[in-house]
Structures are given as structure tokens and as C-alpha cells.
Amino acid sequence: MNEARLPSEGAGVAQRTRTISGIEVIPATADRWPDVMTVMGGNGGDRGCWCQYYRWSSSEFSALGAGGGRRALERQVTEGPPPGLLAYIDGDPVGWVGIGPRHEMGRLMRSRTLPLIDDVPVWSILCFLVRPGFRRRGVARALLDGVIAHAGAAGAPALEAYPIDAEGQRLDVTLSYVGFTSTFEAAGFRRVVETAGRSAGRPRWLMRLDLAEKD
């Protein structure tokens, strides 16, 4: 089975820049590591998982230890292919979305709550992170549109995500890093199955976008 790969560094990546409503979305390549740090770590601290939680098995993630998440993400960004995309407003890095082929995600492949529903080599959208002061300005949607364009250009057959349904309520964005079903539905994703996964106390939906249908 042929599997699409995330583009590596170089001209091909630069050409996949997208500007949406004044928000520029660009793959996180090696030269942009300082910008990843700005979005992820602020002052360079090691809090949070640094978009590593789903990329490793449970034991591997635990073995990363203190500061291991940051070091792992730095390796992934530096060595490529890009493990995520960055959003910019007026040149300032303001948001991140983590992506990658699901079959490369150790915890996802073993997950009992976010099921593997078929053998399509989907890419998974792992998380969104938007800096304080830039939230509720369309950054997450711009990042999502950027992922769709980026993955489609690389030949990915489909995208998969695991957001929550806010059911019309305003939720703390720090508890909803997985995104909202409404954002994905507006971008053309369809609900496939309500999973046993939870975030912000709400069930997570497995959602799909078949990129071949967008050609």
C-alpha cells in the first residue's frame, strides 16, 4: 500500500504556505524552531507534552522524562518532515497544529478509546495551540485549512481528527485543544463515530475528510 509522506524541508514546503483571512500558515521546518518555541513554550519552559503524547507508546512517552517532550519535538522539526504547521499574524507566530500519519503514532495505534476504523493510511490531526491574546480570531480554522491544503498536496488520502462537540456552550480553550466538531464540519469533515475518548468532560468524535473527493 502506498503511503503519502509529509513533505520534507525545501522549496516544496515553502510553496505550501497559505494565507487565510490575514493569517499565514506555514509548515514547521528547522528554521522555524524558535517560532515553535514561542508558541509552545513561551519562555522556553518544559511544561506540557510538546505535541508528543500521541506520537509515542505510553511507556515510550514516560521514558522521555523531564524536558524530553521539547527535545523530541525539536528533533522532529529539525530533521523533518514537519510534524506540524505554524500560524502567523503580521509575522508573529501565534498558533500550532500537530499532524502526522496515524500509523506513525504509537499511542493512537494502540488506543482503545480512539479506534482504528479501517486500513486507510490517514493523517491524524493531534492538537491545536493558540497563544493567549490571539484566540477567537480564526487561528484554529486557518490552521485547519492549512493542514487540508498541505496534506492534499502531499498525497494523503484522508485526514482524521478527534474533536469534541461543544453543544453550543463556551468552553475553556485550554481544555479543548483537540478542537471542536463545528470547526471540522465547517471544513467538510464528517462524523464517523462517537468514541470513548473524553476531553473537557465531553466525548470525542472521530471525524474524517476524504481528500480524494476534494480533487
N, C-alpha and C. Protein backbone atom coordinates (compact mmCIF):
# COMPACT_ATOMS: atom_id res chain seq x y z
N MET A 1 0.86 -1.19 0.00
CA MET A 1 0.00 0.00 0.00
C MET A 1 0.89 1.23 0.00
N ASN A 2 0.70 2.13 -0.94
CA ASN A 2 1.48 3.36 -0.99
C ASN A 2 0.96 4.33 0.06
N GLU A 3 1.90 4.90 0.80
CA GLU A 3 1.53 5.82 1.87
C GLU A 3 2.10 7.19 1.58
N ALA A 4 1.26 8.21 1.68
CA ALA A 4 1.73 9.57 1.48
C ALA A 4 2.64 9.95 2.63
N ARG A 5 3.61 10.79 2.34
CA ARG A 5 4.55 11.26 3.35
C ARG A 5 4.46 12.77 3.47
N LEU A 6 4.68 13.28 4.68
CA LEU A 6 4.74 14.71 4.84
C LEU A 6 5.93 15.24 4.07
N PRO A 7 5.78 16.36 3.38
CA PRO A 7 6.89 16.92 2.62
C PRO A 7 8.04 17.27 3.54
N SER A 8 9.28 17.10 3.06
CA SER A 8 10.45 17.49 3.83
C SER A 8 10.74 18.95 3.59
N GLU A 9 11.85 19.43 4.15
CA GLU A 9 12.19 20.83 4.01
C GLU A 9 12.52 21.18 2.56
N GLY A 10 12.49 22.48 2.26
CA GLY A 10 12.91 22.92 0.94
C GLY A 10 11.84 23.72 0.24
N ALA A 11 12.05 23.90 -1.06
CA ALA A 11 11.15 24.75 -1.84
C ALA A 11 9.74 24.23 -1.85
N GLY A 12 9.58 22.89 -1.87
CA GLY A 12 8.24 22.31 -1.92
C GLY A 12 7.42 22.69 -0.72
N VAL A 13 8.09 22.79 0.45
CA VAL A 13 7.39 23.20 1.66
C VAL A 13 7.00 24.66 1.59
N ALA A 14 7.94 25.49 1.17
CA ALA A 14 7.67 26.93 1.11
C ALA A 14 6.48 27.24 0.22
N GLN A 15 6.31 26.48 -0.85
CA GLN A 15 5.22 26.71 -1.77
C GLN A 15 3.87 26.36 -1.16
N ARG A 16 3.86 25.69 -0.02
CA ARG A 16 2.61 25.28 0.60
C ARG A 16 2.16 26.27 1.68
N THR A 17 2.77 27.43 1.71
CA THR A 17 2.29 28.50 2.58
C THR A 17 0.86 28.86 2.17
N ARG A 18 0.01 29.10 3.16
CA ARG A 18 -1.35 29.52 2.88
C ARG A 18 -1.66 30.77 3.69
N THR A 19 -2.30 31.74 3.11
CA THR A 19 -2.74 32.92 3.82
C THR A 19 -4.25 32.96 3.81
N ILE A 20 -4.84 32.93 5.00
CA ILE A 20 -6.29 32.84 5.14
C ILE A 20 -6.74 33.94 6.08
N SER A 21 -7.53 34.90 5.60
CA SER A 21 -8.05 35.99 6.42
C SER A 21 -6.93 36.70 7.17
N GLY A 22 -5.80 36.94 6.50
CA GLY A 22 -4.69 37.63 7.12
C GLY A 22 -3.83 36.77 8.01
N ILE A 23 -4.14 35.47 8.11
CA ILE A 23 -3.36 34.55 8.92
C ILE A 23 -2.56 33.66 7.98
N GLU A 24 -1.25 33.70 8.11
CA GLU A 24 -0.37 32.91 7.26
C GLU A 24 -0.06 31.58 7.94
N VAL A 25 -0.18 30.49 7.20
CA VAL A 25 0.05 29.14 7.75
C VAL A 25 1.21 28.50 6.99
N ILE A 26 2.22 28.07 7.75
CA ILE A 26 3.47 27.60 7.16
C ILE A 26 3.94 26.33 7.88
N PRO A 27 4.45 25.32 7.16
CA PRO A 27 5.00 24.13 7.81
C PRO A 27 6.13 24.48 8.78
N ALA A 28 6.19 23.74 9.87
CA ALA A 28 7.21 23.98 10.90
C ALA A 28 8.50 23.29 10.51
N THR A 29 9.33 23.99 9.75
CA THR A 29 10.62 23.47 9.31
C THR A 29 11.72 23.92 10.27
N ALA A 30 12.92 23.41 10.06
CA ALA A 30 14.02 23.60 11.01
C ALA A 30 14.28 25.07 11.33
N ASP A 31 14.21 25.92 10.31
CA ASP A 31 14.49 27.34 10.53
C ASP A 31 13.42 28.02 11.38
N ARG A 32 12.31 27.35 11.58
CA ARG A 32 11.22 27.94 12.35
C ARG A 32 11.13 27.39 13.78
N TRP A 33 12.14 26.64 14.22
CA TRP A 33 12.11 26.12 15.58
C TRP A 33 11.94 27.23 16.63
N PRO A 34 12.62 28.37 16.52
CA PRO A 34 12.37 29.42 17.51
C PRO A 34 10.91 29.85 17.58
N ASP A 35 10.22 29.82 16.44
CA ASP A 35 8.80 30.19 16.43
C ASP A 35 7.96 29.10 17.10
N VAL A 36 8.34 27.84 16.90
CA VAL A 36 7.66 26.75 17.60
C VAL A 36 7.81 26.95 19.10
N MET A 37 9.01 27.30 19.54
CA MET A 37 9.26 27.56 20.96
C MET A 37 8.37 28.68 21.48
N THR A 38 8.22 29.72 20.67
CA THR A 38 7.40 30.85 21.10
C THR A 38 5.95 30.42 21.34
N VAL A 39 5.42 29.61 20.43
CA VAL A 39 4.04 29.17 20.58
C VAL A 39 3.90 28.12 21.67
N MET A 40 4.79 27.16 21.68
CA MET A 40 4.68 26.02 22.59
C MET A 40 5.15 26.31 24.00
N GLY A 41 6.33 26.95 24.08
CA GLY A 41 6.97 27.07 25.38
C GLY A 41 7.02 28.45 25.96
N GLY A 42 6.66 29.45 25.17
CA GLY A 42 6.72 30.81 25.68
C GLY A 42 8.14 31.17 26.06
N ASN A 43 8.47 31.04 27.33
CA ASN A 43 9.80 31.40 27.80
C ASN A 43 10.78 30.23 27.71
N GLY A 44 10.39 29.16 27.00
CA GLY A 44 11.31 28.04 26.85
C GLY A 44 11.17 26.98 27.91
N GLY A 45 10.11 27.06 28.71
CA GLY A 45 9.92 26.06 29.76
C GLY A 45 9.54 24.71 29.18
N ASP A 46 9.45 23.72 30.06
CA ASP A 46 9.18 22.35 29.62
C ASP A 46 7.80 21.86 30.03
N ARG A 47 6.88 22.75 30.32
CA ARG A 47 5.53 22.35 30.67
C ARG A 47 4.81 21.84 29.44
N GLY A 48 3.84 20.95 29.66
CA GLY A 48 3.06 20.42 28.54
C GLY A 48 3.76 19.25 27.86
N CYS A 49 3.06 18.66 26.91
CA CYS A 49 3.60 17.46 26.26
C CYS A 49 4.37 17.77 24.99
N TRP A 50 4.35 19.04 24.53
CA TRP A 50 5.07 19.43 23.33
C TRP A 50 4.66 18.56 22.13
N CYS A 51 3.37 18.30 22.04
CA CYS A 51 2.80 17.56 20.91
C CYS A 51 3.42 16.17 20.76
N GLN A 52 3.69 15.52 21.90
CA GLN A 52 4.32 14.20 21.87
C GLN A 52 3.42 13.09 22.39
N TYR A 53 2.36 13.43 23.08
CA TYR A 53 1.56 12.43 23.79
C TYR A 53 1.11 11.29 22.90
N TYR A 54 0.62 11.60 21.70
CA TYR A 54 0.09 10.57 20.82
C TYR A 54 1.15 9.97 19.89
N ARG A 55 2.32 10.58 19.86
CA ARG A 55 3.35 10.11 18.92
C ARG A 55 4.12 8.89 19.43
N TRP A 56 4.00 8.60 20.72
CA TRP A 56 4.77 7.53 21.33
C TRP A 56 3.82 6.56 22.04
N SER A 57 4.29 5.35 22.28
CA SER A 57 3.53 4.46 23.16
C SER A 57 3.57 5.03 24.57
N SER A 58 2.73 4.52 25.44
CA SER A 58 2.68 5.02 26.81
C SER A 58 4.03 4.91 27.50
N SER A 59 4.69 3.76 27.35
CA SER A 59 5.98 3.56 28.01
C SER A 59 7.06 4.45 27.40
N GLU A 60 7.01 4.63 26.08
CA GLU A 60 8.00 5.50 25.42
C GLU A 60 7.81 6.94 25.84
N PHE A 61 6.56 7.37 25.96
CA PHE A 61 6.29 8.75 26.37
C PHE A 61 6.80 8.99 27.78
N SER A 62 6.54 8.03 28.67
CA SER A 62 7.01 8.17 30.05
C SER A 62 8.53 8.23 30.11
N ALA A 63 9.18 7.48 29.22
CA ALA A 63 10.64 7.42 29.22
C ALA A 63 11.27 8.72 28.73
N LEU A 64 10.50 9.59 28.09
CA LEU A 64 11.05 10.86 27.62
C LEU A 64 11.57 11.70 28.78
N GLY A 65 10.89 11.60 29.93
CA GLY A 65 11.34 12.30 31.12
C GLY A 65 11.21 13.81 31.03
N ALA A 66 11.72 14.49 32.06
CA ALA A 66 11.63 15.95 32.13
C ALA A 66 12.36 16.59 30.96
N GLY A 67 11.68 17.45 30.25
CA GLY A 67 12.27 18.12 29.10
C GLY A 67 12.33 17.27 27.86
N GLY A 68 11.93 16.01 27.97
CA GLY A 68 12.02 15.10 26.83
C GLY A 68 11.07 15.45 25.70
N GLY A 69 9.89 15.98 26.04
CA GLY A 69 8.94 16.35 25.01
C GLY A 69 9.49 17.46 24.14
N ARG A 70 10.06 18.48 24.76
CA ARG A 70 10.64 19.57 23.98
C ARG A 70 11.77 19.09 23.10
N ARG A 71 12.65 18.25 23.66
CA ARG A 71 13.78 17.76 22.87
C ARG A 71 13.31 16.89 21.71
N ALA A 72 12.27 16.08 21.95
CA ALA A 72 11.75 15.22 20.88
C ALA A 72 11.14 16.06 19.76
N LEU A 73 10.38 17.08 20.13
CA LEU A 73 9.78 17.93 19.09
C LEU A 73 10.86 18.69 18.32
N GLU A 74 11.89 19.13 19.01
CA GLU A 74 12.98 19.83 18.32
C GLU A 74 13.63 18.91 17.29
N ARG A 75 13.84 17.65 17.64
CA ARG A 75 14.41 16.71 16.68
C ARG A 75 13.49 16.53 15.48
N GLN A 76 12.19 16.40 15.76
CA GLN A 76 11.23 16.18 14.67
C GLN A 76 11.18 17.39 13.73
N VAL A 77 11.20 18.59 14.31
CA VAL A 77 11.17 19.80 13.49
C VAL A 77 12.48 19.95 12.72
N THR A 78 13.60 19.69 13.38
CA THR A 78 14.91 19.89 12.76
C THR A 78 15.18 18.88 11.66
N GLU A 79 14.83 17.62 11.92
CA GLU A 79 15.13 16.56 10.96
C GLU A 79 14.07 16.41 9.89
N GLY A 80 12.84 16.84 10.15
CA GLY A 80 11.75 16.70 9.19
C GLY A 80 11.32 15.25 9.06
N PRO A 81 10.22 15.02 8.36
CA PRO A 81 9.32 16.03 7.77
C PRO A 81 8.58 16.83 8.85
N PRO A 82 8.03 17.98 8.51
CA PRO A 82 7.40 18.85 9.52
C PRO A 82 6.31 18.11 10.30
N PRO A 83 6.40 18.12 11.64
CA PRO A 83 5.37 17.47 12.46
C PRO A 83 4.17 18.35 12.74
N GLY A 84 4.16 19.55 12.16
CA GLY A 84 3.04 20.45 12.38
C GLY A 84 3.16 21.70 11.53
N LEU A 85 2.16 22.55 11.65
CA LEU A 85 2.13 23.83 10.94
C LEU A 85 2.03 24.96 11.95
N LEU A 86 2.57 26.11 11.56
CA LEU A 86 2.52 27.31 12.39
C LEU A 86 1.62 28.36 11.74
N ALA A 87 0.94 29.13 12.56
CA ALA A 87 0.13 30.25 12.08
C ALA A 87 0.80 31.55 12.50
N TYR A 88 0.77 32.54 11.59
CA TYR A 88 1.38 33.85 11.84
C TYR A 88 0.36 34.95 11.57
N ILE A 89 0.41 35.96 12.42
CA ILE A 89 -0.34 37.19 12.18
C ILE A 89 0.67 38.33 12.19
N ASP A 90 0.78 39.03 11.08
CA ASP A 90 1.74 40.12 10.93
C ASP A 90 3.15 39.66 11.29
N GLY A 91 3.49 38.43 10.89
CA GLY A 91 4.82 37.90 11.13
C GLY A 91 5.06 37.34 12.51
N ASP A 92 4.08 37.43 13.38
CA ASP A 92 4.21 36.94 14.75
C ASP A 92 3.65 35.53 14.84
N PRO A 93 4.42 34.52 15.32
CA PRO A 93 3.89 33.17 15.44
C PRO A 93 2.84 33.09 16.54
N VAL A 94 1.63 32.65 16.17
CA VAL A 94 0.52 32.70 17.12
C VAL A 94 -0.17 31.36 17.35
N GLY A 95 0.10 30.35 16.51
CA GLY A 95 -0.62 29.09 16.68
C GLY A 95 0.13 27.92 16.09
N TRP A 96 -0.27 26.73 16.54
CA TRP A 96 0.34 25.47 16.13
C TRP A 96 -0.74 24.42 15.93
N VAL A 97 -0.55 23.55 14.96
CA VAL A 97 -1.37 22.35 14.83
C VAL A 97 -0.42 21.18 14.59
N GLY A 98 -0.59 20.11 15.36
CA GLY A 98 0.25 18.93 15.21
C GLY A 98 -0.41 17.91 14.29
N ILE A 99 0.37 17.34 13.38
CA ILE A 99 -0.15 16.40 12.40
C ILE A 99 0.84 15.27 12.19
N GLY A 100 0.37 14.22 11.52
CA GLY A 100 1.26 13.14 11.12
C GLY A 100 0.47 11.91 10.71
N PRO A 101 1.08 11.01 9.94
CA PRO A 101 0.41 9.76 9.58
C PRO A 101 0.04 8.96 10.83
N ARG A 102 -1.19 8.50 10.90
CA ARG A 102 -1.63 7.80 12.10
C ARG A 102 -0.77 6.57 12.37
N HIS A 103 -0.34 5.88 11.33
CA HIS A 103 0.40 4.64 11.58
C HIS A 103 1.75 4.89 12.26
N GLU A 104 2.18 6.16 12.31
CA GLU A 104 3.42 6.50 13.00
C GLU A 104 3.17 6.95 14.43
N MET A 105 1.91 6.99 14.85
CA MET A 105 1.56 7.47 16.18
C MET A 105 1.37 6.29 17.14
N GLY A 106 2.37 6.07 17.99
CA GLY A 106 2.36 4.89 18.85
C GLY A 106 1.13 4.76 19.72
N ARG A 107 0.78 5.81 20.44
CA ARG A 107 -0.37 5.73 21.35
C ARG A 107 -1.68 5.64 20.57
N LEU A 108 -1.79 6.38 19.48
CA LEU A 108 -3.02 6.33 18.69
C LEU A 108 -3.26 4.94 18.13
N MET A 109 -2.20 4.31 17.65
CA MET A 109 -2.36 2.99 17.05
C MET A 109 -2.79 1.95 18.08
N ARG A 110 -2.48 2.20 19.35
CA ARG A 110 -2.84 1.26 20.41
C ARG A 110 -4.07 1.70 21.20
N SER A 111 -4.64 2.85 20.82
CA SER A 111 -5.72 3.42 21.62
C SER A 111 -6.98 2.56 21.62
N ARG A 112 -7.55 2.40 22.81
CA ARG A 112 -8.83 1.70 22.94
C ARG A 112 -10.00 2.67 22.89
N THR A 113 -9.71 3.96 23.03
CA THR A 113 -10.78 4.95 23.07
C THR A 113 -10.93 5.71 21.75
N LEU A 114 -9.86 5.80 20.97
CA LEU A 114 -9.91 6.45 19.65
C LEU A 114 -9.62 5.37 18.62
N PRO A 115 -10.65 4.66 18.18
CA PRO A 115 -10.45 3.40 17.45
C PRO A 115 -9.87 3.57 16.05
N LEU A 116 -9.15 2.54 15.63
CA LEU A 116 -8.71 2.42 14.25
C LEU A 116 -9.85 1.77 13.49
N ILE A 117 -10.47 2.50 12.55
CA ILE A 117 -11.71 2.01 11.96
C ILE A 117 -11.51 1.29 10.63
N ASP A 118 -10.35 1.48 9.98
CA ASP A 118 -10.09 0.79 8.73
C ASP A 118 -8.60 0.88 8.43
N ASP A 119 -8.19 0.46 7.26
CA ASP A 119 -6.77 0.44 6.92
C ASP A 119 -6.36 1.59 6.00
N VAL A 120 -7.22 2.61 5.87
CA VAL A 120 -6.85 3.78 5.08
C VAL A 120 -5.68 4.49 5.79
N PRO A 121 -4.59 4.80 5.08
CA PRO A 121 -3.43 5.45 5.71
C PRO A 121 -3.67 6.93 5.96
N VAL A 122 -4.57 7.22 6.88
CA VAL A 122 -4.95 8.60 7.17
C VAL A 122 -3.83 9.34 7.87
N TRP A 123 -3.88 10.65 7.76
CA TRP A 123 -3.07 11.50 8.63
C TRP A 123 -3.96 11.97 9.76
N SER A 124 -3.41 12.03 10.96
CA SER A 124 -4.16 12.47 12.13
C SER A 124 -3.83 13.91 12.50
N ILE A 125 -4.85 14.65 12.87
CA ILE A 125 -4.69 15.98 13.42
C ILE A 125 -4.73 15.83 14.94
N LEU A 126 -3.62 16.14 15.59
CA LEU A 126 -3.46 15.81 17.00
C LEU A 126 -3.95 16.89 17.95
N CYS A 127 -3.60 18.13 17.67
CA CYS A 127 -3.90 19.17 18.65
C CYS A 127 -3.75 20.55 18.03
N PHE A 128 -4.40 21.51 18.65
CA PHE A 128 -4.27 22.92 18.31
C PHE A 128 -3.76 23.67 19.54
N LEU A 129 -2.92 24.65 19.30
CA LEU A 129 -2.47 25.52 20.38
C LEU A 129 -2.40 26.94 19.83
N VAL A 130 -3.15 27.84 20.46
CA VAL A 130 -3.16 29.24 20.06
C VAL A 130 -2.74 30.08 21.25
N ARG A 131 -1.82 30.99 21.02
CA ARG A 131 -1.30 31.81 22.10
C ARG A 131 -2.38 32.71 22.69
N PRO A 132 -2.33 32.93 24.01
CA PRO A 132 -3.26 33.90 24.62
C PRO A 132 -3.14 35.26 23.94
N GLY A 133 -4.27 35.90 23.76
CA GLY A 133 -4.29 37.18 23.08
C GLY A 133 -4.62 37.06 21.60
N PHE A 134 -4.54 35.83 21.09
CA PHE A 134 -4.84 35.60 19.67
C PHE A 134 -5.98 34.60 19.48
N ARG A 135 -6.61 34.22 20.57
CA ARG A 135 -7.70 33.25 20.49
C ARG A 135 -8.99 33.92 20.03
N ARG A 136 -9.87 33.09 19.48
CA ARG A 136 -11.17 33.55 18.95
C ARG A 136 -10.99 34.57 17.83
N ARG A 137 -9.92 34.35 17.05
CA ARG A 137 -9.67 35.23 15.90
C ARG A 137 -9.55 34.42 14.61
N GLY A 138 -10.00 33.16 14.65
CA GLY A 138 -9.98 32.33 13.46
C GLY A 138 -8.67 31.61 13.21
N VAL A 139 -7.78 31.59 14.22
CA VAL A 139 -6.48 30.96 14.02
C VAL A 139 -6.62 29.45 13.85
N ALA A 140 -7.43 28.81 14.67
CA ALA A 140 -7.59 27.35 14.56
C ALA A 140 -8.17 26.97 13.20
N ARG A 141 -9.14 27.72 12.71
CA ARG A 141 -9.72 27.41 11.40
C ARG A 141 -8.69 27.62 10.30
N ALA A 142 -7.88 28.68 10.41
CA ALA A 142 -6.84 28.90 9.41
C ALA A 142 -5.83 27.76 9.42
N LEU A 143 -5.47 27.29 10.61
CA LEU A 143 -4.56 26.15 10.72
C LEU A 143 -5.17 24.90 10.08
N LEU A 144 -6.46 24.68 10.33
CA LEU A 144 -7.12 23.52 9.76
C LEU A 144 -7.13 23.60 8.23
N ASP A 145 -7.46 24.74 7.69
CA ASP A 145 -7.44 24.90 6.23
C ASP A 145 -6.03 24.69 5.69
N GLY A 146 -5.04 25.14 6.44
CA GLY A 146 -3.66 24.92 6.03
C GLY A 146 -3.28 23.45 6.01
N VAL A 147 -3.75 22.71 7.00
CA VAL A 147 -3.49 21.26 7.05
C VAL A 147 -4.13 20.57 5.85
N ILE A 148 -5.36 20.93 5.53
CA ILE A 148 -6.05 20.31 4.40
C ILE A 148 -5.26 20.51 3.11
N ALA A 149 -4.80 21.74 2.89
CA ALA A 149 -4.03 22.04 1.69
C ALA A 149 -2.69 21.31 1.71
N HIS A 150 -2.02 21.31 2.84
CA HIS A 150 -0.70 20.69 2.99
C HIS A 150 -0.77 19.18 2.77
N ALA A 151 -1.73 18.54 3.43
CA ALA A 151 -1.86 17.09 3.31
C ALA A 151 -2.29 16.69 1.91
N GLY A 152 -3.21 17.46 1.33
CA GLY A 152 -3.65 17.14 -0.01
C GLY A 152 -2.53 17.24 -1.02
N ALA A 153 -1.67 18.27 -0.88
CA ALA A 153 -0.55 18.45 -1.80
C ALA A 153 0.46 17.32 -1.67
N ALA A 154 0.54 16.71 -0.49
CA ALA A 154 1.48 15.62 -0.26
C ALA A 154 0.91 14.26 -0.65
N GLY A 155 -0.36 14.21 -1.05
CA GLY A 155 -0.95 12.96 -1.50
C GLY A 155 -1.62 12.14 -0.42
N ALA A 156 -1.85 12.73 0.76
CA ALA A 156 -2.56 11.99 1.80
C ALA A 156 -3.98 11.67 1.34
N PRO A 157 -4.47 10.44 1.55
CA PRO A 157 -5.80 10.09 1.07
C PRO A 157 -6.93 10.65 1.92
N ALA A 158 -6.64 10.90 3.20
CA ALA A 158 -7.69 11.37 4.10
C ALA A 158 -7.06 11.96 5.35
N LEU A 159 -7.83 12.83 6.00
CA LEU A 159 -7.45 13.38 7.29
C LEU A 159 -8.43 12.88 8.35
N GLU A 160 -7.91 12.69 9.54
CA GLU A 160 -8.73 12.21 10.65
C GLU A 160 -8.49 13.12 11.85
N ALA A 161 -9.56 13.40 12.61
CA ALA A 161 -9.45 14.24 13.80
C ALA A 161 -10.35 13.69 14.88
N TYR A 162 -10.15 14.18 16.11
CA TYR A 162 -10.84 13.61 17.27
C TYR A 162 -11.33 14.73 18.20
N PRO A 163 -12.17 15.64 17.67
CA PRO A 163 -12.61 16.80 18.44
C PRO A 163 -13.79 16.50 19.36
N ILE A 164 -14.19 17.53 20.10
CA ILE A 164 -15.35 17.43 20.98
C ILE A 164 -16.48 18.28 20.43
N ASP A 165 -17.70 17.95 20.84
CA ASP A 165 -18.89 18.72 20.48
C ASP A 165 -19.20 19.67 21.63
N ALA A 166 -19.03 20.97 21.40
CA ALA A 166 -19.26 21.95 22.47
C ALA A 166 -20.75 22.12 22.77
N GLU A 167 -21.62 21.65 21.88
CA GLU A 167 -23.07 21.72 22.07
C GLU A 167 -23.52 23.14 22.39
N GLY A 168 -22.91 24.10 21.70
CA GLY A 168 -23.33 25.49 21.86
C GLY A 168 -22.80 26.20 23.07
N GLN A 169 -22.03 25.52 23.92
CA GLN A 169 -21.53 26.14 25.12
C GLN A 169 -20.11 26.66 24.91
N ARG A 170 -19.75 27.68 25.64
CA ARG A 170 -18.41 28.25 25.57
C ARG A 170 -17.53 27.50 26.56
N LEU A 171 -16.48 26.88 26.05
CA LEU A 171 -15.61 26.07 26.89
C LEU A 171 -14.23 26.69 27.00
N ASP A 172 -13.54 26.35 28.05
CA ASP A 172 -12.17 26.80 28.25
C ASP A 172 -11.31 26.24 27.13
N VAL A 173 -10.67 27.10 26.36
CA VAL A 173 -9.90 26.63 25.21
C VAL A 173 -8.73 25.75 25.62
N THR A 174 -8.24 25.92 26.86
CA THR A 174 -7.12 25.09 27.31
C THR A 174 -7.54 23.64 27.51
N LEU A 175 -8.85 23.41 27.65
CA LEU A 175 -9.37 22.05 27.83
C LEU A 175 -9.88 21.46 26.52
N SER A 176 -9.81 22.23 25.46
CA SER A 176 -10.38 21.78 24.18
C SER A 176 -9.34 21.86 23.07
N TYR A 177 -8.11 21.51 23.41
CA TYR A 177 -7.02 21.56 22.44
C TYR A 177 -7.25 20.64 21.26
N VAL A 178 -8.17 19.68 21.41
CA VAL A 178 -8.45 18.72 20.33
C VAL A 178 -9.34 19.32 19.25
N GLY A 179 -9.87 20.53 19.49
CA GLY A 179 -10.72 21.18 18.52
C GLY A 179 -12.19 20.86 18.74
N PHE A 180 -13.05 21.54 17.97
CA PHE A 180 -14.49 21.38 18.09
C PHE A 180 -15.07 20.78 16.82
N THR A 181 -16.09 19.96 16.98
CA THR A 181 -16.73 19.33 15.82
C THR A 181 -17.24 20.37 14.84
N SER A 182 -17.74 21.50 15.34
CA SER A 182 -18.30 22.52 14.46
C SER A 182 -17.23 23.08 13.51
N THR A 183 -16.01 23.25 14.01
CA THR A 183 -14.93 23.76 13.17
C THR A 183 -14.62 22.76 12.05
N PHE A 184 -14.57 21.49 12.39
CA PHE A 184 -14.26 20.47 11.40
C PHE A 184 -15.40 20.29 10.41
N GLU A 185 -16.64 20.34 10.89
CA GLU A 185 -17.77 20.20 9.98
C GLU A 185 -17.81 21.35 8.99
N ALA A 186 -17.47 22.56 9.43
CA ALA A 186 -17.45 23.71 8.53
C ALA A 186 -16.40 23.55 7.45
N ALA A 187 -15.36 22.74 7.73
CA ALA A 187 -14.30 22.49 6.75
C ALA A 187 -14.57 21.26 5.90
N GLY A 188 -15.73 20.60 6.10
CA GLY A 188 -16.10 19.46 5.27
C GLY A 188 -15.90 18.10 5.88
N PHE A 189 -15.42 18.03 7.13
CA PHE A 189 -15.26 16.74 7.80
C PHE A 189 -16.63 16.16 8.14
N ARG A 190 -16.70 14.84 8.18
CA ARG A 190 -17.94 14.16 8.58
C ARG A 190 -17.70 13.36 9.86
N ARG A 191 -18.74 13.29 10.67
CA ARG A 191 -18.67 12.47 11.89
C ARG A 191 -18.76 11.00 11.50
N VAL A 192 -17.84 10.20 12.03
CA VAL A 192 -17.84 8.77 11.74
C VAL A 192 -18.36 7.97 12.93
N VAL A 193 -17.81 8.25 14.12
CA VAL A 193 -18.24 7.51 15.30
C VAL A 193 -17.94 8.33 16.55
N GLU A 194 -18.86 8.28 17.50
CA GLU A 194 -18.59 8.87 18.81
C GLU A 194 -17.70 7.90 19.58
N THR A 195 -16.56 8.38 20.03
CA THR A 195 -15.58 7.50 20.66
C THR A 195 -15.78 7.47 22.18
N ALA A 196 -15.00 6.62 22.82
CA ALA A 196 -14.98 6.56 24.28
C ALA A 196 -14.00 7.56 24.87
N GLY A 197 -13.30 8.31 24.00
CA GLY A 197 -12.37 9.32 24.48
C GLY A 197 -13.10 10.52 25.05
N ARG A 198 -12.45 11.23 25.96
CA ARG A 198 -13.04 12.41 26.60
C ARG A 198 -12.03 13.54 26.63
N SER A 199 -12.54 14.76 26.50
CA SER A 199 -11.76 15.96 26.69
C SER A 199 -12.71 17.04 27.16
N ALA A 200 -12.29 17.82 28.13
CA ALA A 200 -13.17 18.84 28.73
C ALA A 200 -14.48 18.20 29.22
N GLY A 201 -14.40 16.93 29.60
CA GLY A 201 -15.57 16.22 30.11
C GLY A 201 -16.57 15.82 29.06
N ARG A 202 -16.22 15.95 27.80
CA ARG A 202 -17.15 15.65 26.72
C ARG A 202 -16.59 14.56 25.81
N PRO A 203 -17.48 13.77 25.18
CA PRO A 203 -17.00 12.72 24.29
C PRO A 203 -16.34 13.30 23.05
N ARG A 204 -15.35 12.60 22.56
CA ARG A 204 -14.65 12.99 21.34
C ARG A 204 -15.19 12.19 20.16
N TRP A 205 -15.36 12.87 19.05
CA TRP A 205 -15.83 12.23 17.82
C TRP A 205 -14.65 11.93 16.90
N LEU A 206 -14.68 10.77 16.28
CA LEU A 206 -13.74 10.51 15.20
C LEU A 206 -14.36 11.08 13.94
N MET A 207 -13.64 12.01 13.29
CA MET A 207 -14.14 12.67 12.10
C MET A 207 -13.15 12.49 10.96
N ARG A 208 -13.68 12.44 9.74
CA ARG A 208 -12.84 12.19 8.56
C ARG A 208 -13.13 13.22 7.47
N LEU A 209 -12.08 13.50 6.71
CA LEU A 209 -12.20 14.25 5.46
C LEU A 209 -11.47 13.47 4.39
N ASP A 210 -12.20 12.99 3.38
CA ASP A 210 -11.59 12.25 2.28
C ASP A 210 -11.04 13.26 1.29
N LEU A 211 -9.72 13.33 1.22
CA LEU A 211 -9.08 14.35 0.37
C LEU A 211 -9.24 14.05 -1.11
N ALA A 212 -9.37 12.78 -1.47
CA ALA A 212 -9.55 12.44 -2.87
C ALA A 212 -10.82 13.05 -3.43
N GLU A 213 -11.84 13.20 -2.57
CA GLU A 213 -13.11 13.76 -3.01
C GLU A 213 -13.02 15.25 -3.26
N LYS A 214 -11.91 15.90 -2.77
CA LYS A 214 -11.77 17.33 -2.94
C LYS A 214 -11.05 17.69 -4.24
N ASP A 215 -10.53 16.67 -4.95
CA ASP A 215 -9.82 16.93 -6.20
C ASP A 215 -10.79 17.43 -7.29
